[in-house]
Amino acid sequence: MDKYSITSNDFAQLYRDGQLDEAYIMDVREPYEWEMYHLEKARLLPMNSVPEHLDQLDKDQTVYVVCAHGVRSWHVTNYLLRNGFDKVVNVEGGMAEVALHLNL
């Protein structure tokens, strides 16, 4: 783990404790995945639509990127880092693991 990633367990603990209320939680899954289950505080922004929404994201706000298993979110995290975002954190293990920790 580095400053650009967090374990699903640590993320779930911060989420449960309300420590992510000021953060932007970006769910990069597809709408059909979102419909199955999602975090109440997350915002759906499918991976392929991220480039067209860059200007709507606040570079001063910490962005936690989550997907199903941590692969797409890793790619989006790296994309955001290459495009001037420094406060970006990939949620390792994705919603599959976060859901287990939060009993979704």
N, C-alpha and C. Protein backbone atom coordinates (compact mmCIF):
# COMPACT_ATOMS: atom_id res chain seq x y z
N MET A 1 0.85 -1.18 0.00
CA MET A 1 0.00 0.00 0.00
C MET A 1 0.89 1.25 0.00
N ASP A 2 0.51 2.25 -0.76
CA ASP A 2 1.22 3.52 -0.78
C ASP A 2 0.21 4.63 -0.54
N LYS A 3 0.63 5.87 -0.73
CA LYS A 3 -0.30 6.98 -0.44
C LYS A 3 -1.44 7.07 -1.44
N TYR A 4 -1.35 6.32 -2.53
CA TYR A 4 -2.40 6.33 -3.55
C TYR A 4 -3.27 5.08 -3.51
N SER A 5 -3.20 4.34 -2.42
CA SER A 5 -4.07 3.16 -2.29
C SER A 5 -4.41 2.94 -0.82
N ILE A 6 -5.51 2.23 -0.62
CA ILE A 6 -5.98 1.91 0.72
C ILE A 6 -6.61 0.52 0.67
N THR A 7 -6.45 -0.24 1.73
CA THR A 7 -7.08 -1.56 1.76
C THR A 7 -8.58 -1.39 1.93
N SER A 8 -9.31 -2.38 1.49
CA SER A 8 -10.76 -2.33 1.62
C SER A 8 -11.19 -2.24 3.08
N ASN A 9 -10.45 -2.91 3.95
CA ASN A 9 -10.77 -2.89 5.38
C ASN A 9 -10.57 -1.49 5.96
N ASP A 10 -9.43 -0.85 5.64
CA ASP A 10 -9.18 0.50 6.14
C ASP A 10 -10.19 1.50 5.58
N PHE A 11 -10.52 1.36 4.30
CA PHE A 11 -11.51 2.23 3.68
C PHE A 11 -12.86 2.06 4.38
N ALA A 12 -13.28 0.81 4.60
CA ALA A 12 -14.57 0.54 5.25
C ALA A 12 -14.61 1.14 6.65
N GLN A 13 -13.50 1.07 7.37
CA GLN A 13 -13.46 1.63 8.71
C GLN A 13 -13.62 3.15 8.68
N LEU A 14 -12.91 3.81 7.76
CA LEU A 14 -13.04 5.26 7.62
C LEU A 14 -14.47 5.64 7.22
N TYR A 15 -15.04 4.88 6.31
CA TYR A 15 -16.41 5.13 5.83
C TYR A 15 -17.40 4.99 7.00
N ARG A 16 -17.27 3.89 7.72
CA ARG A 16 -18.16 3.62 8.85
C ARG A 16 -18.05 4.70 9.93
N ASP A 17 -16.84 5.22 10.13
CA ASP A 17 -16.61 6.23 11.16
C ASP A 17 -16.94 7.65 10.70
N GLY A 18 -17.40 7.80 9.45
CA GLY A 18 -17.77 9.12 8.95
C GLY A 18 -16.58 9.99 8.56
N GLN A 19 -15.41 9.38 8.45
CA GLN A 19 -14.20 10.15 8.13
C GLN A 19 -14.05 10.43 6.64
N LEU A 20 -14.96 9.91 5.82
CA LEU A 20 -14.91 10.16 4.38
C LEU A 20 -16.03 11.08 3.92
N ASP A 21 -16.71 11.71 4.86
CA ASP A 21 -17.84 12.57 4.51
C ASP A 21 -17.44 13.75 3.64
N GLU A 22 -16.21 14.22 3.76
CA GLU A 22 -15.74 15.35 2.97
C GLU A 22 -15.03 14.90 1.69
N ALA A 23 -14.84 13.61 1.55
CA ALA A 23 -14.16 13.08 0.37
C ALA A 23 -15.15 12.83 -0.76
N TYR A 24 -14.62 12.68 -1.95
CA TYR A 24 -15.43 12.32 -3.12
C TYR A 24 -15.17 10.84 -3.36
N ILE A 25 -16.21 10.03 -3.23
CA ILE A 25 -16.07 8.59 -3.48
C ILE A 25 -16.62 8.33 -4.87
N MET A 26 -15.72 8.00 -5.78
CA MET A 26 -16.06 7.79 -7.18
C MET A 26 -16.18 6.30 -7.46
N ASP A 27 -17.37 5.86 -7.80
CA ASP A 27 -17.62 4.47 -8.16
C ASP A 27 -17.56 4.38 -9.68
N VAL A 28 -16.56 3.69 -10.20
CA VAL A 28 -16.34 3.65 -11.65
C VAL A 28 -16.93 2.40 -12.30
N ARG A 29 -17.81 1.71 -11.59
CA ARG A 29 -18.47 0.54 -12.18
C ARG A 29 -19.53 0.99 -13.17
N GLU A 30 -20.13 0.04 -13.82
CA GLU A 30 -21.20 0.30 -14.77
C GLU A 30 -22.53 0.42 -14.01
N PRO A 31 -23.53 1.10 -14.61
CA PRO A 31 -24.81 1.28 -13.92
C PRO A 31 -25.46 -0.01 -13.44
N TYR A 32 -25.35 -1.09 -14.21
CA TYR A 32 -25.97 -2.35 -13.76
C TYR A 32 -25.29 -2.90 -12.51
N GLU A 33 -23.99 -2.64 -12.35
CA GLU A 33 -23.28 -3.07 -11.15
C GLU A 33 -23.69 -2.21 -9.96
N TRP A 34 -23.82 -0.92 -10.21
CA TRP A 34 -24.24 0.06 -9.20
C TRP A 34 -25.62 -0.33 -8.65
N GLU A 35 -26.51 -0.74 -9.53
CA GLU A 35 -27.87 -1.09 -9.13
C GLU A 35 -27.91 -2.28 -8.16
N MET A 36 -26.94 -3.18 -8.27
CA MET A 36 -26.90 -4.35 -7.38
C MET A 36 -26.66 -3.92 -5.94
N TYR A 37 -25.69 -3.05 -5.75
CA TYR A 37 -25.39 -2.46 -4.45
C TYR A 37 -24.35 -1.37 -4.65
N HIS A 38 -24.39 -0.39 -3.76
CA HIS A 38 -23.41 0.70 -3.81
C HIS A 38 -23.37 1.40 -2.46
N LEU A 39 -22.38 2.22 -2.30
CA LEU A 39 -22.24 3.02 -1.09
C LEU A 39 -23.13 4.25 -1.21
N GLU A 40 -23.84 4.54 -0.16
CA GLU A 40 -24.75 5.69 -0.16
C GLU A 40 -24.03 7.01 -0.47
N LYS A 41 -22.80 7.14 0.01
CA LYS A 41 -22.06 8.40 -0.16
C LYS A 41 -21.27 8.45 -1.46
N ALA A 42 -21.32 7.39 -2.26
CA ALA A 42 -20.55 7.35 -3.51
C ALA A 42 -21.32 7.99 -4.65
N ARG A 43 -20.56 8.36 -5.68
CA ARG A 43 -21.16 8.90 -6.91
C ARG A 43 -20.74 8.01 -8.06
N LEU A 44 -21.70 7.63 -8.87
CA LEU A 44 -21.43 6.77 -10.02
C LEU A 44 -20.83 7.59 -11.15
N LEU A 45 -19.67 7.17 -11.62
CA LEU A 45 -19.01 7.79 -12.76
C LEU A 45 -18.27 6.66 -13.49
N PRO A 46 -18.98 5.94 -14.37
CA PRO A 46 -18.37 4.79 -15.04
C PRO A 46 -17.01 5.13 -15.65
N MET A 47 -16.12 4.18 -15.61
CA MET A 47 -14.73 4.36 -16.03
C MET A 47 -14.60 5.08 -17.37
N ASN A 48 -15.35 4.67 -18.36
CA ASN A 48 -15.21 5.25 -19.70
C ASN A 48 -15.69 6.70 -19.79
N SER A 49 -16.42 7.16 -18.78
CA SER A 49 -16.91 8.54 -18.82
C SER A 49 -16.05 9.50 -18.00
N VAL A 50 -15.04 8.99 -17.31
CA VAL A 50 -14.19 9.84 -16.47
C VAL A 50 -13.52 10.96 -17.27
N PRO A 51 -12.91 10.68 -18.43
CA PRO A 51 -12.22 11.77 -19.15
C PRO A 51 -13.11 12.96 -19.47
N GLU A 52 -14.35 12.73 -19.81
CA GLU A 52 -15.23 13.85 -20.16
C GLU A 52 -15.74 14.62 -18.95
N HIS A 53 -15.48 14.12 -17.74
CA HIS A 53 -15.93 14.79 -16.52
C HIS A 53 -14.78 15.35 -15.68
N LEU A 54 -13.56 15.32 -16.21
CA LEU A 54 -12.41 15.81 -15.44
C LEU A 54 -12.59 17.23 -14.94
N ASP A 55 -13.17 18.09 -15.77
CA ASP A 55 -13.33 19.50 -15.39
C ASP A 55 -14.36 19.70 -14.28
N GLN A 56 -15.12 18.66 -13.97
CA GLN A 56 -16.13 18.76 -12.90
C GLN A 56 -15.59 18.26 -11.55
N LEU A 57 -14.37 17.74 -11.56
CA LEU A 57 -13.78 17.21 -10.33
C LEU A 57 -12.91 18.27 -9.68
N ASP A 58 -12.93 18.29 -8.36
CA ASP A 58 -12.16 19.26 -7.58
C ASP A 58 -10.79 18.65 -7.24
N LYS A 59 -9.73 19.25 -7.75
CA LYS A 59 -8.38 18.73 -7.51
C LYS A 59 -7.93 18.89 -6.07
N ASP A 60 -8.64 19.72 -5.31
CA ASP A 60 -8.29 19.91 -3.90
C ASP A 60 -9.00 18.94 -2.96
N GLN A 61 -9.96 18.21 -3.49
CA GLN A 61 -10.73 17.25 -2.69
C GLN A 61 -10.14 15.86 -2.88
N THR A 62 -10.03 15.10 -1.80
CA THR A 62 -9.55 13.73 -1.91
C THR A 62 -10.59 12.89 -2.62
N VAL A 63 -10.13 12.12 -3.61
CA VAL A 63 -11.00 11.26 -4.40
C VAL A 63 -10.64 9.81 -4.11
N TYR A 64 -11.60 9.05 -3.60
CA TYR A 64 -11.42 7.61 -3.42
C TYR A 64 -12.10 6.93 -4.59
N VAL A 65 -11.35 6.09 -5.30
CA VAL A 65 -11.87 5.45 -6.50
C VAL A 65 -12.12 3.98 -6.20
N VAL A 66 -13.35 3.55 -6.47
CA VAL A 66 -13.73 2.16 -6.20
C VAL A 66 -14.41 1.57 -7.43
N CYS A 67 -14.19 0.27 -7.63
CA CYS A 67 -14.86 -0.46 -8.71
C CYS A 67 -15.30 -1.80 -8.13
N ALA A 68 -15.42 -2.81 -8.95
CA ALA A 68 -15.88 -4.11 -8.46
C ALA A 68 -14.80 -4.84 -7.66
N HIS A 69 -13.56 -4.89 -8.21
CA HIS A 69 -12.50 -5.67 -7.57
C HIS A 69 -11.18 -4.93 -7.44
N GLY A 70 -11.11 -3.68 -7.87
CA GLY A 70 -9.90 -2.89 -7.71
C GLY A 70 -9.05 -2.72 -8.95
N VAL A 71 -9.46 -3.31 -10.07
CA VAL A 71 -8.66 -3.20 -11.30
C VAL A 71 -9.00 -1.92 -12.05
N ARG A 72 -10.27 -1.71 -12.35
CA ARG A 72 -10.66 -0.48 -13.05
C ARG A 72 -10.32 0.75 -12.22
N SER A 73 -10.52 0.66 -10.92
CA SER A 73 -10.22 1.81 -10.06
C SER A 73 -8.72 2.11 -10.07
N TRP A 74 -7.89 1.09 -10.17
CA TRP A 74 -6.44 1.30 -10.26
C TRP A 74 -6.11 2.08 -11.53
N HIS A 75 -6.74 1.69 -12.65
CA HIS A 75 -6.50 2.39 -13.91
C HIS A 75 -6.98 3.85 -13.84
N VAL A 76 -8.16 4.07 -13.26
CA VAL A 76 -8.69 5.43 -13.14
C VAL A 76 -7.81 6.26 -12.20
N THR A 77 -7.36 5.67 -11.11
CA THR A 77 -6.46 6.38 -10.19
C THR A 77 -5.22 6.85 -10.93
N ASN A 78 -4.61 5.97 -11.70
CA ASN A 78 -3.41 6.35 -12.46
C ASN A 78 -3.72 7.41 -13.51
N TYR A 79 -4.87 7.31 -14.15
CA TYR A 79 -5.28 8.31 -15.14
C TYR A 79 -5.42 9.68 -14.48
N LEU A 80 -6.07 9.72 -13.32
CA LEU A 80 -6.25 10.99 -12.61
C LEU A 80 -4.90 11.56 -12.16
N LEU A 81 -4.01 10.71 -11.69
CA LEU A 81 -2.69 11.17 -11.29
C LEU A 81 -1.94 11.79 -12.47
N ARG A 82 -2.06 11.19 -13.64
CA ARG A 82 -1.39 11.71 -14.84
C ARG A 82 -2.03 13.01 -15.33
N ASN A 83 -3.24 13.30 -14.85
CA ASN A 83 -3.95 14.50 -15.28
C ASN A 83 -4.04 15.56 -14.18
N GLY A 84 -3.07 15.57 -13.29
CA GLY A 84 -2.95 16.67 -12.34
C GLY A 84 -3.65 16.50 -11.00
N PHE A 85 -4.23 15.35 -10.75
CA PHE A 85 -4.88 15.10 -9.46
C PHE A 85 -3.86 14.41 -8.56
N ASP A 86 -3.67 14.95 -7.37
CA ASP A 86 -2.69 14.37 -6.45
C ASP A 86 -3.35 13.69 -5.26
N LYS A 87 -4.58 14.05 -4.97
CA LYS A 87 -5.30 13.49 -3.82
C LYS A 87 -6.25 12.39 -4.30
N VAL A 88 -5.67 11.31 -4.82
CA VAL A 88 -6.44 10.21 -5.38
C VAL A 88 -6.02 8.93 -4.69
N VAL A 89 -7.02 8.12 -4.28
CA VAL A 89 -6.73 6.90 -3.56
C VAL A 89 -7.55 5.75 -4.17
N ASN A 90 -6.84 4.71 -4.59
CA ASN A 90 -7.49 3.50 -5.11
C ASN A 90 -7.91 2.61 -3.94
N VAL A 91 -9.15 2.13 -3.97
CA VAL A 91 -9.64 1.22 -2.94
C VAL A 91 -9.36 -0.20 -3.41
N GLU A 92 -8.35 -0.82 -2.80
CA GLU A 92 -7.94 -2.17 -3.18
C GLU A 92 -9.04 -3.19 -2.86
N GLY A 93 -9.26 -4.12 -3.77
CA GLY A 93 -10.27 -5.15 -3.55
C GLY A 93 -11.66 -4.74 -3.99
N GLY A 94 -11.87 -3.45 -4.18
CA GLY A 94 -13.14 -2.95 -4.70
C GLY A 94 -14.35 -3.23 -3.84
N MET A 95 -15.49 -3.04 -4.46
CA MET A 95 -16.76 -3.19 -3.74
C MET A 95 -17.00 -4.63 -3.27
N ALA A 96 -16.40 -5.59 -3.94
CA ALA A 96 -16.55 -6.98 -3.51
C ALA A 96 -16.07 -7.14 -2.07
N GLU A 97 -14.93 -6.54 -1.76
CA GLU A 97 -14.40 -6.63 -0.39
C GLU A 97 -15.01 -5.60 0.55
N VAL A 98 -15.22 -4.38 0.06
CA VAL A 98 -15.82 -3.33 0.90
C VAL A 98 -17.19 -3.78 1.39
N ALA A 99 -17.97 -4.38 0.51
CA ALA A 99 -19.32 -4.85 0.86
C ALA A 99 -19.28 -5.86 2.00
N LEU A 100 -18.27 -6.71 2.01
CA LEU A 100 -18.13 -7.69 3.10
C LEU A 100 -17.86 -6.98 4.43
N HIS A 101 -17.00 -5.98 4.41
CA HIS A 101 -16.65 -5.25 5.64
C HIS A 101 -17.81 -4.41 6.17
N LEU A 102 -18.66 -3.92 5.24
CA LEU A 102 -19.78 -3.05 5.65
C LEU A 102 -21.12 -3.79 5.69
N ASN A 103 -21.10 -5.08 5.42
CA ASN A 103 -22.32 -5.90 5.42
C ASN A 103 -23.40 -5.35 4.49
N LEU A 104 -23.02 -5.04 3.26
CA LEU A 104 -23.99 -4.53 2.27
C LEU A 104 -24.77 -5.67 1.67
